Amino acid sequence: MLAGAAIFAATGVASADPGVALEQPAVVQSVSVPVAGDIATDPNAQNSDPLANGVAAGAGAGAIVHAVICMLVPGAGSVAAPACAVGGALNGALLGLLVGALAPHAVPQVLP
């Protein structure tokens, strides 16, 4: 404990002395036209977050595809379709999240 106090005591103390000159921050130049490669999403979309849009698109597509696949099973397929849709939605949401994180330009930015 004393070693930590000694380190802080040796570094100095902040003061509000007006005689100390403060270093002025560097001036940042403004850019009038954004570079197209720097923008991965459409800022004018209702929700321009590629992660959220990827999850929504993946969950919807996964639920539909898995429910249809379960409906093809004779007999119990129609009964199991809701459970298959939930499982497909979870898998699709995870896949959509990965696509939105790794390739945000691949996710359409038009979902609400």
N, C-alpha and C. Protein backbone atom coordinates (compact mmCIF):
# COMPACT_ATOMS: atom_id res chain seq x y z
N MET A 1 0.82 -1.19 0.00
CA MET A 1 0.00 0.00 0.00
C MET A 1 0.87 1.25 0.00
N LEU A 2 1.94 1.22 0.78
CA LEU A 2 2.81 2.38 0.84
C LEU A 2 3.56 2.59 -0.48
N ALA A 3 3.86 1.49 -1.16
CA ALA A 3 4.56 1.63 -2.44
C ALA A 3 3.68 2.34 -3.45
N GLY A 4 2.39 2.02 -3.46
CA GLY A 4 1.46 2.70 -4.37
C GLY A 4 1.31 4.17 -4.03
N ALA A 5 1.29 4.50 -2.75
CA ALA A 5 1.19 5.90 -2.34
C ALA A 5 2.45 6.66 -2.70
N ALA A 6 3.60 5.98 -2.62
CA ALA A 6 4.85 6.64 -2.97
C ALA A 6 4.91 6.95 -4.46
N ILE A 7 4.36 6.06 -5.28
CA ILE A 7 4.36 6.30 -6.73
C ILE A 7 3.52 7.53 -7.04
N PHE A 8 2.34 7.61 -6.44
CA PHE A 8 1.47 8.75 -6.71
C PHE A 8 2.03 10.05 -6.13
N ALA A 9 2.71 9.96 -5.01
CA ALA A 9 3.28 11.15 -4.39
C ALA A 9 4.44 11.69 -5.21
N ALA A 10 5.16 10.81 -5.90
CA ALA A 10 6.32 11.25 -6.66
C ALA A 10 5.95 11.83 -8.02
N THR A 11 4.74 11.58 -8.49
CA THR A 11 4.37 12.04 -9.83
C THR A 11 3.94 13.49 -9.86
N GLY A 12 3.61 14.08 -8.75
CA GLY A 12 3.21 15.48 -8.73
C GLY A 12 1.74 15.64 -8.43
N VAL A 13 1.34 16.87 -8.31
CA VAL A 13 -0.03 17.19 -7.95
C VAL A 13 -0.58 18.16 -8.97
N ALA A 14 -1.82 17.98 -9.35
CA ALA A 14 -2.46 18.90 -10.29
C ALA A 14 -2.79 20.20 -9.56
N SER A 15 -2.61 21.31 -10.23
CA SER A 15 -2.93 22.59 -9.61
C SER A 15 -3.66 23.46 -10.62
N ALA A 16 -4.37 24.43 -10.09
CA ALA A 16 -5.09 25.39 -10.92
C ALA A 16 -4.31 26.68 -11.04
N ASP A 17 -3.01 26.60 -10.97
CA ASP A 17 -2.15 27.78 -11.04
C ASP A 17 -2.25 28.40 -12.43
N PRO A 18 -2.68 29.67 -12.54
CA PRO A 18 -2.81 30.28 -13.86
C PRO A 18 -1.47 30.51 -14.55
N GLY A 19 -0.37 30.37 -13.84
CA GLY A 19 0.93 30.57 -14.44
C GLY A 19 1.37 29.40 -15.30
N VAL A 20 0.68 28.27 -15.19
CA VAL A 20 1.06 27.09 -15.97
C VAL A 20 0.35 27.16 -17.31
N ALA A 21 1.12 27.12 -18.38
CA ALA A 21 0.54 27.19 -19.73
C ALA A 21 0.02 25.82 -20.13
N LEU A 22 -1.19 25.80 -20.65
CA LEU A 22 -1.79 24.56 -21.13
C LEU A 22 -1.49 24.38 -22.61
N GLU A 23 -1.24 23.16 -23.00
CA GLU A 23 -0.99 22.88 -24.40
C GLU A 23 -2.32 22.88 -25.16
N GLN A 24 -2.38 23.62 -26.24
CA GLN A 24 -3.60 23.70 -27.03
C GLN A 24 -3.76 22.44 -27.89
N PRO A 25 -4.98 21.93 -28.00
CA PRO A 25 -5.17 20.73 -28.84
C PRO A 25 -4.99 21.07 -30.32
N ALA A 26 -4.62 20.06 -31.08
CA ALA A 26 -4.42 20.24 -32.52
C ALA A 26 -5.76 20.50 -33.19
N VAL A 27 -5.73 21.31 -34.23
CA VAL A 27 -6.95 21.62 -34.97
C VAL A 27 -7.25 20.47 -35.92
N VAL A 28 -8.49 20.01 -35.91
CA VAL A 28 -8.91 18.92 -36.79
C VAL A 28 -9.50 19.52 -38.05
N GLN A 29 -9.03 19.05 -39.19
CA GLN A 29 -9.56 19.55 -40.45
C GLN A 29 -10.87 18.83 -40.76
N SER A 30 -11.83 19.59 -41.25
CA SER A 30 -13.10 18.97 -41.62
C SER A 30 -13.03 18.48 -43.06
N VAL A 31 -13.73 17.37 -43.32
CA VAL A 31 -13.79 16.79 -44.65
C VAL A 31 -15.17 17.06 -45.20
N SER A 32 -15.23 17.66 -46.38
CA SER A 32 -16.53 18.04 -46.93
C SER A 32 -17.27 16.87 -47.54
N VAL A 33 -16.58 15.92 -48.14
CA VAL A 33 -17.23 14.77 -48.78
C VAL A 33 -16.72 13.50 -48.12
N PRO A 34 -17.62 12.67 -47.55
CA PRO A 34 -17.15 11.43 -46.93
C PRO A 34 -16.66 10.44 -47.99
N VAL A 35 -15.73 9.63 -47.59
CA VAL A 35 -15.20 8.61 -48.49
C VAL A 35 -16.19 7.45 -48.50
N ALA A 36 -16.58 6.99 -49.69
CA ALA A 36 -17.60 5.95 -49.81
C ALA A 36 -17.17 4.65 -49.15
N GLY A 37 -15.91 4.34 -49.17
CA GLY A 37 -15.44 3.09 -48.57
C GLY A 37 -15.49 3.08 -47.06
N ASP A 38 -15.56 4.25 -46.44
CA ASP A 38 -15.60 4.31 -44.99
C ASP A 38 -16.99 4.08 -44.41
N ILE A 39 -18.02 4.19 -45.21
CA ILE A 39 -19.39 4.06 -44.73
C ILE A 39 -19.92 2.70 -45.15
N ALA A 40 -20.22 1.84 -44.15
CA ALA A 40 -20.68 0.49 -44.45
C ALA A 40 -22.20 0.39 -44.46
N THR A 41 -22.89 1.39 -43.94
CA THR A 41 -24.34 1.33 -43.87
C THR A 41 -24.95 2.57 -44.48
N ASP A 42 -26.24 2.53 -44.67
CA ASP A 42 -26.98 3.67 -45.20
C ASP A 42 -27.48 4.49 -44.02
N PRO A 43 -26.92 5.66 -43.76
CA PRO A 43 -27.35 6.44 -42.59
C PRO A 43 -28.77 6.97 -42.72
N ASN A 44 -29.36 6.93 -43.91
CA ASN A 44 -30.73 7.40 -44.10
C ASN A 44 -31.75 6.30 -43.86
N ALA A 45 -31.33 5.07 -43.63
CA ALA A 45 -32.27 3.98 -43.38
C ALA A 45 -32.90 4.17 -42.00
N GLN A 46 -34.08 3.53 -41.80
CA GLN A 46 -34.73 3.65 -40.50
C GLN A 46 -33.85 3.07 -39.40
N ASN A 47 -33.22 1.96 -39.67
CA ASN A 47 -32.29 1.36 -38.72
C ASN A 47 -31.05 0.98 -39.50
N SER A 48 -29.98 1.74 -39.36
CA SER A 48 -28.79 1.53 -40.16
C SER A 48 -27.77 0.62 -39.48
N ASP A 49 -28.17 -0.11 -38.45
CA ASP A 49 -27.25 -0.99 -37.74
C ASP A 49 -27.18 -2.34 -38.44
N PRO A 50 -26.03 -2.72 -39.01
CA PRO A 50 -25.96 -3.99 -39.73
C PRO A 50 -26.12 -5.20 -38.83
N LEU A 51 -25.77 -5.08 -37.54
CA LEU A 51 -25.94 -6.22 -36.64
C LEU A 51 -27.42 -6.50 -36.39
N ALA A 52 -28.18 -5.46 -36.08
CA ALA A 52 -29.61 -5.65 -35.83
C ALA A 52 -30.34 -6.12 -37.07
N ASN A 53 -29.99 -5.54 -38.22
CA ASN A 53 -30.65 -5.95 -39.45
C ASN A 53 -30.25 -7.37 -39.84
N GLY A 54 -29.01 -7.76 -39.60
CA GLY A 54 -28.59 -9.13 -39.88
C GLY A 54 -29.30 -10.13 -39.00
N VAL A 55 -29.47 -9.80 -37.72
CA VAL A 55 -30.19 -10.69 -36.81
C VAL A 55 -31.64 -10.81 -37.23
N ALA A 56 -32.28 -9.70 -37.58
CA ALA A 56 -33.69 -9.74 -37.97
C ALA A 56 -33.89 -10.54 -39.25
N ALA A 57 -33.05 -10.30 -40.24
CA ALA A 57 -33.19 -11.02 -41.51
C ALA A 57 -32.87 -12.50 -41.32
N GLY A 58 -31.83 -12.81 -40.56
CA GLY A 58 -31.46 -14.20 -40.33
C GLY A 58 -32.51 -14.96 -39.55
N ALA A 59 -33.09 -14.33 -38.54
CA ALA A 59 -34.12 -14.99 -37.74
C ALA A 59 -35.36 -15.26 -38.57
N GLY A 60 -35.77 -14.30 -39.37
CA GLY A 60 -36.95 -14.51 -40.22
C GLY A 60 -36.74 -15.59 -41.25
N ALA A 61 -35.61 -15.54 -41.93
CA ALA A 61 -35.33 -16.55 -42.95
C ALA A 61 -35.15 -17.93 -42.33
N GLY A 62 -34.47 -18.00 -41.20
CA GLY A 62 -34.27 -19.29 -40.53
C GLY A 62 -35.57 -19.90 -40.06
N ALA A 63 -36.46 -19.08 -39.52
CA ALA A 63 -37.75 -19.59 -39.05
C ALA A 63 -38.58 -20.14 -40.20
N ILE A 64 -38.62 -19.42 -41.30
CA ILE A 64 -39.42 -19.87 -42.45
C ILE A 64 -38.84 -21.15 -43.04
N VAL A 65 -37.54 -21.17 -43.26
CA VAL A 65 -36.91 -22.35 -43.89
C VAL A 65 -37.07 -23.59 -43.02
N HIS A 66 -36.83 -23.47 -41.73
CA HIS A 66 -36.93 -24.64 -40.86
C HIS A 66 -38.37 -25.10 -40.69
N ALA A 67 -39.32 -24.19 -40.65
CA ALA A 67 -40.72 -24.59 -40.55
C ALA A 67 -41.14 -25.34 -41.81
N VAL A 68 -40.71 -24.87 -42.98
CA VAL A 68 -41.06 -25.55 -44.23
C VAL A 68 -40.43 -26.93 -44.28
N ILE A 69 -39.19 -27.05 -43.83
CA ILE A 69 -38.53 -28.36 -43.83
C ILE A 69 -39.26 -29.32 -42.89
N CYS A 70 -39.71 -28.85 -41.73
CA CYS A 70 -40.46 -29.71 -40.82
C CYS A 70 -41.81 -30.11 -41.40
N MET A 71 -42.42 -29.23 -42.16
CA MET A 71 -43.73 -29.55 -42.76
C MET A 71 -43.61 -30.67 -43.80
N LEU A 72 -42.42 -30.89 -44.34
CA LEU A 72 -42.22 -31.94 -45.33
C LEU A 72 -42.18 -33.33 -44.70
N VAL A 73 -41.99 -33.41 -43.38
CA VAL A 73 -41.96 -34.71 -42.70
C VAL A 73 -43.40 -35.20 -42.54
N PRO A 74 -43.71 -36.39 -43.07
CA PRO A 74 -45.10 -36.88 -42.95
C PRO A 74 -45.47 -37.17 -41.49
N GLY A 75 -46.70 -36.88 -41.15
CA GLY A 75 -47.20 -37.19 -39.81
C GLY A 75 -46.95 -36.07 -38.82
N ALA A 76 -45.88 -36.17 -38.07
CA ALA A 76 -45.62 -35.24 -36.97
C ALA A 76 -44.99 -33.94 -37.43
N GLY A 77 -44.72 -33.79 -38.69
CA GLY A 77 -44.06 -32.59 -39.18
C GLY A 77 -44.86 -31.33 -38.95
N SER A 78 -46.17 -31.40 -39.15
CA SER A 78 -46.98 -30.20 -38.96
C SER A 78 -47.10 -29.83 -37.48
N VAL A 79 -47.02 -30.83 -36.61
CA VAL A 79 -47.08 -30.56 -35.17
C VAL A 79 -45.76 -29.95 -34.69
N ALA A 80 -44.66 -30.39 -35.27
CA ALA A 80 -43.34 -29.93 -34.84
C ALA A 80 -42.90 -28.65 -35.53
N ALA A 81 -43.68 -28.14 -36.47
CA ALA A 81 -43.28 -26.96 -37.24
C ALA A 81 -43.00 -25.74 -36.35
N PRO A 82 -43.81 -25.43 -35.33
CA PRO A 82 -43.48 -24.26 -34.49
C PRO A 82 -42.14 -24.41 -33.76
N ALA A 83 -41.87 -25.61 -33.25
CA ALA A 83 -40.59 -25.83 -32.58
C ALA A 83 -39.43 -25.72 -33.56
N CYS A 84 -39.64 -26.23 -34.76
CA CYS A 84 -38.60 -26.11 -35.79
C CYS A 84 -38.38 -24.65 -36.16
N ALA A 85 -39.46 -23.87 -36.21
CA ALA A 85 -39.34 -22.45 -36.56
C ALA A 85 -38.54 -21.70 -35.50
N VAL A 86 -38.76 -22.03 -34.23
CA VAL A 86 -38.00 -21.36 -33.16
C VAL A 86 -36.53 -21.71 -33.25
N GLY A 87 -36.24 -23.00 -33.45
CA GLY A 87 -34.84 -23.41 -33.59
C GLY A 87 -34.18 -22.77 -34.80
N GLY A 88 -34.92 -22.70 -35.90
CA GLY A 88 -34.39 -22.06 -37.10
C GLY A 88 -34.16 -20.58 -36.91
N ALA A 89 -35.06 -19.93 -36.16
CA ALA A 89 -34.90 -18.50 -35.91
C ALA A 89 -33.65 -18.23 -35.08
N LEU A 90 -33.40 -19.09 -34.09
CA LEU A 90 -32.20 -18.90 -33.27
C LEU A 90 -30.93 -19.11 -34.10
N ASN A 91 -30.92 -20.17 -34.91
CA ASN A 91 -29.75 -20.41 -35.76
C ASN A 91 -29.57 -19.29 -36.78
N GLY A 92 -30.66 -18.86 -37.38
CA GLY A 92 -30.59 -17.78 -38.37
C GLY A 92 -30.15 -16.46 -37.76
N ALA A 93 -30.61 -16.19 -36.54
CA ALA A 93 -30.22 -14.95 -35.86
C ALA A 93 -28.72 -14.95 -35.57
N LEU A 94 -28.20 -16.09 -35.14
CA LEU A 94 -26.75 -16.18 -34.89
C LEU A 94 -25.96 -16.01 -36.18
N LEU A 95 -26.41 -16.64 -37.25
CA LEU A 95 -25.73 -16.50 -38.53
C LEU A 95 -25.83 -15.05 -39.04
N GLY A 96 -27.00 -14.43 -38.90
CA GLY A 96 -27.17 -13.03 -39.30
C GLY A 96 -26.29 -12.09 -38.50
N LEU A 97 -26.12 -12.39 -37.21
CA LEU A 97 -25.24 -11.57 -36.37
C LEU A 97 -23.80 -11.66 -36.85
N LEU A 98 -23.37 -12.86 -37.20
CA LEU A 98 -22.00 -13.03 -37.70
C LEU A 98 -21.81 -12.32 -39.04
N VAL A 99 -22.79 -12.42 -39.92
CA VAL A 99 -22.68 -11.74 -41.21
C VAL A 99 -22.68 -10.23 -41.01
N GLY A 100 -23.53 -9.72 -40.13
CA GLY A 100 -23.56 -8.29 -39.86
C GLY A 100 -22.27 -7.77 -39.25
N ALA A 101 -21.60 -8.61 -38.47
CA ALA A 101 -20.34 -8.19 -37.84
C ALA A 101 -19.16 -8.30 -38.79
N LEU A 102 -19.13 -9.36 -39.59
CA LEU A 102 -17.97 -9.60 -40.45
C LEU A 102 -18.08 -8.96 -41.82
N ALA A 103 -19.30 -8.83 -42.34
CA ALA A 103 -19.49 -8.25 -43.68
C ALA A 103 -20.71 -7.34 -43.66
N PRO A 104 -20.62 -6.16 -43.01
CA PRO A 104 -21.80 -5.30 -42.88
C PRO A 104 -22.34 -4.80 -44.22
N HIS A 105 -21.51 -4.76 -45.26
CA HIS A 105 -21.99 -4.31 -46.57
C HIS A 105 -22.90 -5.34 -47.22
N ALA A 106 -22.90 -6.59 -46.73
CA ALA A 106 -23.73 -7.64 -47.32
C ALA A 106 -25.16 -7.61 -46.78
N VAL A 107 -25.40 -6.87 -45.71
CA VAL A 107 -26.73 -6.82 -45.09
C VAL A 107 -27.48 -5.61 -45.64
N PRO A 108 -28.65 -5.82 -46.24
CA PRO A 108 -29.41 -4.67 -46.74
C PRO A 108 -29.88 -3.79 -45.59
N GLN A 109 -29.71 -2.48 -45.73
CA GLN A 109 -30.02 -1.55 -44.66
C GLN A 109 -31.39 -0.91 -44.88
N VAL A 110 -32.38 -1.71 -45.17
CA VAL A 110 -33.71 -1.17 -45.42
C VAL A 110 -34.74 -1.73 -44.45
N LEU A 111 -34.33 -2.59 -43.54
CA LEU A 111 -35.28 -3.16 -42.60
C LEU A 111 -35.69 -2.12 -41.57
N PRO A 112 -36.93 -2.17 -41.10
CA PRO A 112 -37.38 -1.18 -40.11
C PRO A 112 -36.73 -1.38 -38.75
